[in-house]
Amino acid sequence: MSQPQTAAETAATPNFPGKKPLIISGPCSAETEEQLIETCTQLAATGKVDMLRAGIWKPRTKPGMFEGIGTKGLPWLQKARQLTGLPTTVEVATPKHVEDALAFEVDVLWIGARTTVNPFSVQAVADALRGTNVPVFIKNPVHPDLELWLGAVERLAKAGVKNIGLIHRGFASYGNTEYRNAPMWHLPIEMKRRLPELPIICDPSHICGNRTGLAAVAQKSINLDFDGLMLESHIDPDNAWSDAKQQVTPQRMAELLDGLVWRHETTDQQEFLTVLAQLREQINQLDDEILHLLGRRMQVAESIGTYKKENDITILQTSRWNEILERGMQKGDQLGLTHDFIRKYFDAVHLESINRQNRVMSK
C-alpha cells in the first residue's frame, strides 16, 4: 500500500511562478521614495525584470543596524508597481507584515532565512496566510538543515497556501571565506529531487556578498535547472543603506543577465537523446562497478577489524589513515580529481570502514 503524500509533496502547482526564467530584482532595502521609484523604473526599462523586490523590514544581526524603513515604504512599492506594471514581492516575518503587505497589494511574499529557521515564526506567518491566494517563496534556513526547509513548506501547505516556491540563498558556514553564504549546491539539488514540482530560484546576491561572483553563481544555478534569479539592484550601490557590496546598478544587472547562457532541461532532438542515453548507460555500468569494489573493500575492512580485535588493537590508526589520504591525493592528481573531492570521498569511505570494524569489535 502506498504511503500518503506529505503536505510538502502536494503543495506546489506546476504553473507557479508562471515564467521560466523568472527574474526578480530591486534594492536590498527601500530607503526613500525617490530611491525606490528610480531603481524600479530603471529596472523596468531594461525589459529584463519580471518582478520587483524591496526590503521593507530587515532582520539584522545586531541592534542599531538599519532594520528597514517599515510599513511606510509599502506605498512607495505600490506606486512603483503602478508606474511600471510589474508585480512586487517583499519579505515577511510576522503576521502584521503579512497583513500590511497584502493591504498595499504586494503580489508575492517571501519568508527569509532567519524566519525559516524558526518553526514558531513560520507557523505564525502560515496562519496569517490562511484563506489568501498569495504565492509565497521560502528561502532556505540560515544553517544547512534540509528538514527545516521542508518543514516550512509543509506548514504553509497545511495552512492552505497553494502556490509555494523556494529560494536558494546559501548557508552560513564556519570558516567560509569565498562566499558570504556557502551555496552547498547538494542541498537545493536534494530539495529539487524531493519536491520536483516546486519552482526554485537562486539568490546570488546573498550567496556571494559581493558583485564579482554574481555571474558565476547565477550561471551555475542555470546549469542546474533553477527556475530563475533574485538579484539586488540599486541606483547607487556604493551608498546603499544595507548590503552595499552585493548590489549592482540596473544597467549592470541587465549586462549580467545578457552574459548568461540559459539552458533547457531536455530537447526533442533524437541524436542528442540517443547519445545521452548511451553515455548514461556507461555511467550506470561504472557506478555498478564502483559499488561492487566498495563492497569488496568493506569486506576487507571487516577482516582487518577481526584481526585487530583478536590482538587488542585500536580501530583508528592515524598514520595509516594519513598514508591512505596522501596516496589518494597523489593518484587523484594524476586522474584530474580535485583534492576537495578526494578528501570527501575518503572521509566517507573511512567512516564506513570504522563503523564496520566497530561492529566487529562489539560482537
Protein backbone atom coordinates (compact mmCIF):
# COMPACT_ATOMS: atom_id res chain seq x y z
CA MET A 1 0.00 0.00 0.00
CA SER A 2 1.45 3.37 -0.98
CA GLN A 3 2.17 5.92 1.70
CA PRO A 4 0.07 9.12 1.75
CA GLN A 5 1.82 12.17 0.37
CA THR A 6 3.11 14.77 2.78
CA ALA A 7 1.82 18.32 2.64
CA ALA A 8 5.11 19.36 1.06
CA GLU A 9 4.68 16.85 -1.76
CA THR A 10 1.23 18.18 -2.63
CA ALA A 11 1.87 21.88 -2.12
CA ALA A 12 3.23 23.05 -5.44
CA THR A 13 1.40 23.83 -8.63
CA PRO A 14 3.45 23.42 -11.81
CA ASN A 15 2.29 26.80 -13.15
CA PHE A 16 3.88 28.79 -10.32
CA PRO A 17 5.66 31.16 -10.80
CA GLY A 18 4.32 31.07 -14.37
CA LYS A 19 7.51 32.02 -16.20
CA LYS A 20 10.92 30.46 -16.58
CA PRO A 21 13.33 32.04 -16.09
CA LEU A 22 11.74 34.34 -13.53
CA ILE A 23 13.89 37.41 -12.83
CA ILE A 24 13.27 39.32 -9.61
CA SER A 25 15.25 42.46 -8.86
CA GLY A 26 15.22 45.59 -6.74
CA PRO A 27 17.06 47.18 -3.83
CA CYS A 28 18.05 45.29 -0.72
CA SER A 29 16.17 47.96 1.22
CA ALA A 30 13.63 50.60 0.39
CA GLU A 31 15.36 53.74 1.69
CA THR A 32 13.46 56.69 0.26
CA GLU A 33 10.57 57.01 -2.14
CA GLU A 34 12.83 58.59 -4.75
CA GLN A 35 15.47 55.85 -4.47
CA LEU A 36 12.90 53.05 -4.74
CA ILE A 37 10.90 54.56 -7.61
CA GLU A 38 14.01 55.42 -9.63
CA THR A 39 15.55 51.98 -9.14
CA CYS A 40 12.34 50.20 -10.10
CA THR A 41 11.77 52.46 -13.10
CA GLN A 42 15.28 51.81 -14.41
CA LEU A 43 14.88 48.08 -13.87
CA ALA A 44 11.60 48.05 -15.77
CA ALA A 45 13.24 49.99 -18.62
CA THR A 46 15.77 47.20 -19.15
CA GLY A 47 12.94 44.89 -20.17
CA LYS A 48 14.60 42.02 -18.34
CA VAL A 49 12.83 42.04 -14.99
CA ASP A 50 9.61 40.17 -14.27
CA MET A 51 9.07 41.21 -10.66
CA LEU A 52 10.26 43.98 -8.36
CA ARG A 53 11.60 43.35 -4.87
CA ALA A 54 12.43 45.66 -1.99
CA GLY A 55 13.27 45.06 1.63
CA ILE A 56 10.68 46.77 3.83
CA TRP A 57 11.51 45.02 7.11
CA LYS A 58 15.13 43.93 7.51
CA PRO A 59 16.08 41.36 10.16
CA ARG A 60 19.66 42.32 11.06
CA THR A 61 22.35 40.57 13.02
CA LYS A 62 22.95 43.35 15.55
CA PRO A 63 20.77 46.09 17.06
CA GLY A 64 21.44 49.57 15.77
CA MET A 65 21.85 48.45 12.17
CA PHE A 66 19.32 49.69 9.62
CA GLU A 67 16.32 47.40 10.03
CA GLY A 68 14.20 48.69 7.17
CA ILE A 69 12.02 51.69 6.60
CA GLY A 70 8.95 49.74 7.72
CA THR A 71 5.36 49.91 6.60
CA LYS A 72 5.68 53.48 5.29
CA GLY A 73 7.71 52.06 2.40
CA LEU A 74 4.85 49.92 1.13
CA PRO A 75 3.02 52.82 -0.60
CA TRP A 76 6.30 53.55 -2.46
CA LEU A 77 6.42 49.98 -3.69
CA GLN A 78 2.75 50.15 -4.61
CA LYS A 79 3.49 53.27 -6.64
CA ALA A 80 6.39 51.52 -8.39
CA ARG A 81 4.01 48.73 -9.30
CA GLN A 82 1.56 51.20 -10.78
CA LEU A 83 4.24 53.06 -12.75
CA THR A 84 5.97 50.00 -14.19
CA GLY A 85 3.17 47.48 -14.42
CA LEU A 86 5.42 44.90 -12.74
CA PRO A 87 4.29 42.75 -9.80
CA THR A 88 6.06 43.16 -6.45
CA THR A 89 7.43 40.94 -3.72
CA VAL A 90 8.63 41.60 -0.17
CA GLU A 91 9.93 39.57 2.76
CA VAL A 92 7.58 38.98 5.70
CA ALA A 93 8.45 37.65 9.13
CA THR A 94 5.32 38.29 11.25
CA PRO A 95 1.54 38.18 10.82
CA LYS A 96 1.49 42.01 10.88
CA HIS A 97 3.94 42.08 7.97
CA VAL A 98 1.60 39.81 6.02
CA GLU A 99 -1.41 41.98 6.82
CA ASP A 100 0.33 45.22 5.81
CA ALA A 101 1.88 43.79 2.64
CA LEU A 102 -1.42 42.48 1.37
CA ALA A 103 -3.17 45.75 2.27
CA PHE A 104 -0.81 47.52 -0.15
CA GLU A 105 -1.33 44.95 -2.92
CA VAL A 106 2.03 43.18 -2.78
CA ASP A 107 1.71 40.34 -5.28
CA VAL A 108 4.14 37.75 -3.88
CA LEU A 109 5.64 37.29 -0.42
CA TRP A 110 8.77 35.53 0.68
CA ILE A 111 9.89 34.13 4.02
CA GLY A 112 13.51 34.95 4.83
CA ALA A 113 16.29 32.65 6.01
CA ARG A 114 16.18 33.90 9.61
CA THR A 115 12.46 33.19 9.76
CA THR A 116 12.61 29.77 8.08
CA VAL A 117 14.95 28.61 10.82
CA ASN A 118 12.25 29.19 13.48
CA PRO A 119 9.19 26.89 13.21
CA PHE A 120 7.15 29.11 15.55
CA SER A 121 7.66 32.11 13.27
CA VAL A 122 6.88 30.11 10.14
CA GLN A 123 3.69 28.81 11.72
CA ALA A 124 2.61 32.33 12.69
CA VAL A 125 3.13 33.53 9.11
CA ALA A 126 1.35 30.44 7.75
CA ASP A 127 -1.65 31.10 9.99
CA ALA A 128 -1.77 34.71 8.81
CA LEU A 129 -1.82 33.49 5.20
CA ARG A 130 -4.70 31.11 5.77
CA GLY A 131 -7.53 31.87 3.35
CA THR A 132 -5.40 34.00 1.00
CA ASN A 133 -4.27 33.18 -2.55
CA VAL A 134 -0.94 34.99 -2.47
CA PRO A 135 2.07 32.99 -3.73
CA VAL A 136 4.91 32.56 -1.23
CA PHE A 137 8.59 31.85 -1.72
CA ILE A 138 10.55 30.24 1.13
CA LYS A 139 14.26 30.92 1.49
CA ASN A 140 16.47 28.17 2.86
CA PRO A 141 17.23 28.41 6.60
CA VAL A 142 20.44 30.14 7.63
CA HIS A 143 22.17 26.90 8.56
CA PRO A 144 22.21 23.75 6.40
CA ASP A 145 19.16 21.91 7.71
CA LEU A 146 17.07 20.42 4.92
CA GLU A 147 14.33 19.28 7.27
CA LEU A 148 13.68 22.84 8.47
CA TRP A 149 13.29 23.95 4.85
CA LEU A 150 10.91 21.08 4.14
CA GLY A 151 9.07 21.77 7.38
CA ALA A 152 8.40 25.36 6.35
CA VAL A 153 6.93 24.13 3.06
CA GLU A 154 4.67 21.73 4.91
CA ARG A 155 3.48 24.35 7.39
CA LEU A 156 2.43 26.69 4.58
CA ALA A 157 0.81 23.86 2.64
CA LYS A 158 -1.21 22.76 5.67
CA ALA A 159 -2.40 26.35 6.07
CA GLY A 160 -3.84 26.16 2.55
CA VAL A 161 -1.16 28.08 0.65
CA LYS A 162 -1.30 26.61 -2.85
CA ASN A 163 1.47 28.45 -4.66
CA ILE A 164 4.80 27.79 -2.95
CA GLY A 165 8.28 28.33 -4.34
CA LEU A 166 11.82 28.07 -2.97
CA ILE A 167 14.76 30.47 -2.90
CA HIS A 168 18.32 29.22 -2.51
CA ARG A 169 20.40 31.95 -0.82
CA GLY A 170 23.24 29.86 0.56
CA PHE A 171 24.06 28.70 4.10
CA ALA A 172 26.15 30.09 6.92
CA SER A 173 29.28 28.01 7.50
CA TYR A 174 32.12 28.49 9.95
CA GLY A 175 35.44 29.38 8.32
CA ASN A 176 33.88 30.11 4.93
CA THR A 177 35.74 32.88 3.11
CA GLU A 178 34.86 32.54 -0.55
CA TYR A 179 31.15 33.24 -0.11
CA ARG A 180 29.06 35.26 2.25
CA ASN A 181 26.81 32.21 2.45
CA ALA A 182 28.20 28.96 1.07
CA PRO A 183 25.98 27.63 -1.76
CA MET A 184 26.24 23.95 -0.71
CA TRP A 185 24.62 23.03 -4.02
CA HIS A 186 23.88 19.47 -2.94
CA LEU A 187 21.16 20.76 -0.59
CA PRO A 188 19.00 22.64 -3.12
CA ILE A 189 19.60 19.75 -5.54
CA GLU A 190 18.16 17.40 -2.92
CA MET A 191 15.17 19.74 -2.46
CA LYS A 192 14.59 19.61 -6.24
CA ARG A 193 14.74 15.83 -6.10
CA ARG A 194 12.26 15.59 -3.23
CA LEU A 195 9.91 18.33 -4.44
CA PRO A 196 10.28 18.44 -8.25
CA GLU A 197 7.07 20.44 -8.74
CA LEU A 198 8.19 23.36 -6.58
CA PRO A 199 9.96 26.09 -8.55
CA ILE A 200 13.32 27.12 -7.10
CA ILE A 201 15.19 30.32 -7.87
CA CYS A 202 18.69 31.35 -6.86
CA ASP A 203 19.73 34.45 -4.91
CA PRO A 204 23.35 35.03 -5.99
CA SER A 205 23.47 38.36 -4.12
CA HIS A 206 23.25 36.72 -0.71
CA ILE A 207 25.40 33.76 -1.68
CA CYS A 208 28.24 35.97 -2.89
CA GLY A 209 28.04 39.02 -0.64
CA ASN A 210 29.89 40.86 -3.42
CA ARG A 211 29.41 41.85 -7.05
CA THR A 212 32.29 39.94 -8.59
CA GLY A 213 30.89 36.45 -8.12
CA LEU A 214 27.29 37.10 -9.17
CA ALA A 215 27.60 35.95 -12.78
CA ALA A 216 29.37 32.70 -11.93
CA VAL A 217 26.86 31.72 -9.23
CA ALA A 218 23.91 32.72 -11.43
CA GLN A 219 25.26 30.65 -14.32
CA LYS A 220 25.79 27.60 -12.14
CA SER A 221 22.21 27.78 -10.90
CA ILE A 222 21.02 27.96 -14.51
CA ASN A 223 23.17 24.96 -15.39
CA LEU A 224 21.44 23.11 -12.52
CA ASP A 225 18.00 23.92 -14.00
CA PHE A 226 16.92 26.54 -11.45
CA ASP A 227 13.80 28.45 -12.44
CA GLY A 228 15.11 31.99 -12.09
CA LEU A 229 17.15 34.53 -10.18
CA MET A 230 16.70 37.12 -7.46
CA LEU A 231 19.32 39.88 -7.77
CA GLU A 232 19.67 43.01 -5.69
CA SER A 233 19.89 46.27 -7.63
CA HIS A 234 20.29 49.88 -6.52
CA ILE A 235 20.74 53.17 -8.39
CA ASP A 236 23.74 53.99 -6.17
CA PRO A 237 25.02 50.68 -4.75
CA ASP A 238 28.10 52.07 -3.01
CA ASN A 239 25.91 54.29 -0.84
CA ALA A 240 23.16 51.76 -0.13
CA TRP A 241 21.97 51.63 3.47
CA SER A 242 22.32 47.83 3.61
CA ASP A 243 24.37 45.20 1.77
CA ALA A 244 26.10 47.76 -0.44
CA LYS A 245 28.83 45.41 -1.65
CA GLN A 246 26.48 42.90 -3.26
CA GLN A 247 24.18 45.27 -5.15
CA VAL A 248 24.58 46.39 -8.77
CA THR A 249 23.02 49.17 -10.82
CA PRO A 250 20.05 48.28 -13.05
CA GLN A 251 22.27 48.76 -16.11
CA ARG A 252 24.94 46.42 -14.75
CA MET A 253 22.30 43.87 -13.84
CA ALA A 254 20.99 43.91 -17.41
CA GLU A 255 24.53 43.34 -18.71
CA LEU A 256 24.99 40.46 -16.29
CA LEU A 257 21.77 38.82 -17.49
CA ASP A 258 22.79 39.28 -21.12
CA GLY A 259 26.00 37.40 -20.43
CA LEU A 260 24.28 34.29 -19.07
CA VAL A 261 23.62 31.18 -21.13
CA TRP A 262 20.10 29.97 -20.50
CA ARG A 263 19.83 26.20 -20.79
CA HIS A 264 16.98 23.70 -21.08
CA GLU A 265 16.33 20.55 -19.11
CA THR A 266 15.97 18.45 -22.25
CA THR A 267 15.39 18.57 -26.01
CA ASP A 268 13.46 16.60 -28.61
CA GLN A 269 16.50 16.23 -30.90
CA GLN A 270 16.81 12.47 -31.39
CA GLU A 271 20.58 12.45 -31.98
CA PHE A 272 21.18 14.20 -28.66
CA LEU A 273 18.81 11.88 -26.79
CA THR A 274 20.46 8.78 -28.29
CA VAL A 275 23.99 9.86 -27.42
CA LEU A 276 22.91 10.94 -23.92
CA ALA A 277 21.23 7.59 -23.30
CA GLN A 278 24.42 5.77 -24.33
CA LEU A 279 26.59 7.90 -22.05
CA ARG A 280 24.20 7.46 -19.15
CA GLU A 281 24.31 3.70 -19.60
CA GLN A 282 28.10 3.90 -19.32
CA ILE A 283 27.64 5.85 -16.09
CA ASN A 284 25.27 3.17 -14.76
CA GLN A 285 27.76 0.42 -15.52
CA LEU A 286 30.65 2.33 -13.94
CA ASP A 287 28.53 3.06 -10.84
CA ASP A 288 27.78 -0.67 -10.52
CA GLU A 289 31.49 -1.46 -10.74
CA ILE A 290 32.37 1.19 -8.14
CA LEU A 291 29.73 -0.11 -5.72
CA HIS A 292 30.94 -3.70 -6.24
CA LEU A 293 34.52 -2.64 -5.46
CA LEU A 294 33.40 -0.67 -2.40
CA GLY A 295 31.56 -3.73 -1.13
CA ARG A 296 34.74 -5.80 -1.50
CA ARG A 297 36.74 -3.07 0.23
CA MET A 298 34.41 -3.14 3.23
CA GLN A 299 34.70 -6.92 3.46
CA VAL A 300 38.48 -6.49 3.72
CA ALA A 301 37.96 -3.77 6.35
CA GLU A 302 35.84 -6.19 8.41
CA SER A 303 38.58 -8.82 8.15
CA ILE A 304 41.06 -6.24 9.45
CA GLY A 305 38.62 -5.47 12.28
CA THR A 306 38.54 -9.14 13.25
CA TYR A 307 42.34 -9.28 13.29
CA LYS A 308 42.56 -6.09 15.40
CA LYS A 309 40.01 -7.49 17.86
CA GLU A 310 41.94 -10.72 18.30
CA ASN A 311 45.10 -8.75 19.02
CA ASP A 312 43.54 -5.93 21.11
CA ILE A 313 44.50 -3.24 18.56
CA THR A 314 42.57 0.04 18.24
CA ILE A 315 40.44 0.68 15.18
CA LEU A 316 41.88 4.08 14.37
CA GLN A 317 45.44 4.03 13.04
CA THR A 318 46.27 7.69 12.35
CA SER A 319 49.50 7.05 10.48
CA ARG A 320 47.75 4.56 8.19
CA TRP A 321 44.90 6.99 7.56
CA ASN A 322 47.35 9.76 6.64
CA GLU A 323 49.11 7.33 4.29
CA ILE A 324 45.85 6.43 2.55
CA LEU A 325 44.82 10.06 2.21
CA GLU A 326 48.19 11.17 0.83
CA ARG A 327 48.22 8.30 -1.65
CA GLY A 328 44.68 9.18 -2.72
CA MET A 329 45.63 12.81 -3.28
CA GLN A 330 48.58 11.84 -5.46
CA LYS A 331 46.51 9.39 -7.50
CA GLY A 332 43.70 11.93 -7.78
CA ASP A 333 46.11 14.49 -9.22
CA GLN A 334 47.03 12.01 -11.96
CA LEU A 335 43.37 11.41 -12.75
CA GLY A 336 42.31 15.06 -12.70
CA LEU A 337 40.29 14.78 -9.48
CA THR A 338 40.22 17.69 -7.07
CA HIS A 339 41.66 17.45 -3.56
CA ASP A 340 38.28 18.50 -2.15
CA PHE A 341 36.55 15.56 -3.84
CA ILE A 342 39.27 13.08 -2.83
CA ARG A 343 39.10 14.17 0.80
CA LYS A 344 35.29 13.93 0.91
CA TYR A 345 35.36 10.53 -0.78
CA PHE A 346 37.97 9.06 1.52
CA ASP A 347 36.35 10.61 4.60
CA ALA A 348 33.11 8.79 3.72
CA VAL A 349 34.90 5.51 2.97
CA HIS A 350 36.98 5.79 6.14
CA LEU A 351 33.92 6.43 8.32
CA GLU A 352 32.11 3.42 6.85
CA SER A 353 35.22 1.26 7.43
CA ILE A 354 35.40 2.44 11.06
CA ASN A 355 31.71 1.66 11.58
CA ARG A 356 32.15 -1.81 10.10
CA GLN A 357 35.18 -2.56 12.27
CA ASN A 358 33.41 -1.21 15.35
CA ARG A 359 30.53 -3.65 14.78
CA VAL A 360 33.06 -6.46 14.56
CA MET A 361 34.69 -5.27 17.80
CA SER A 362 31.31 -5.11 19.56
CA LYS A 363 30.25 -8.67 18.79
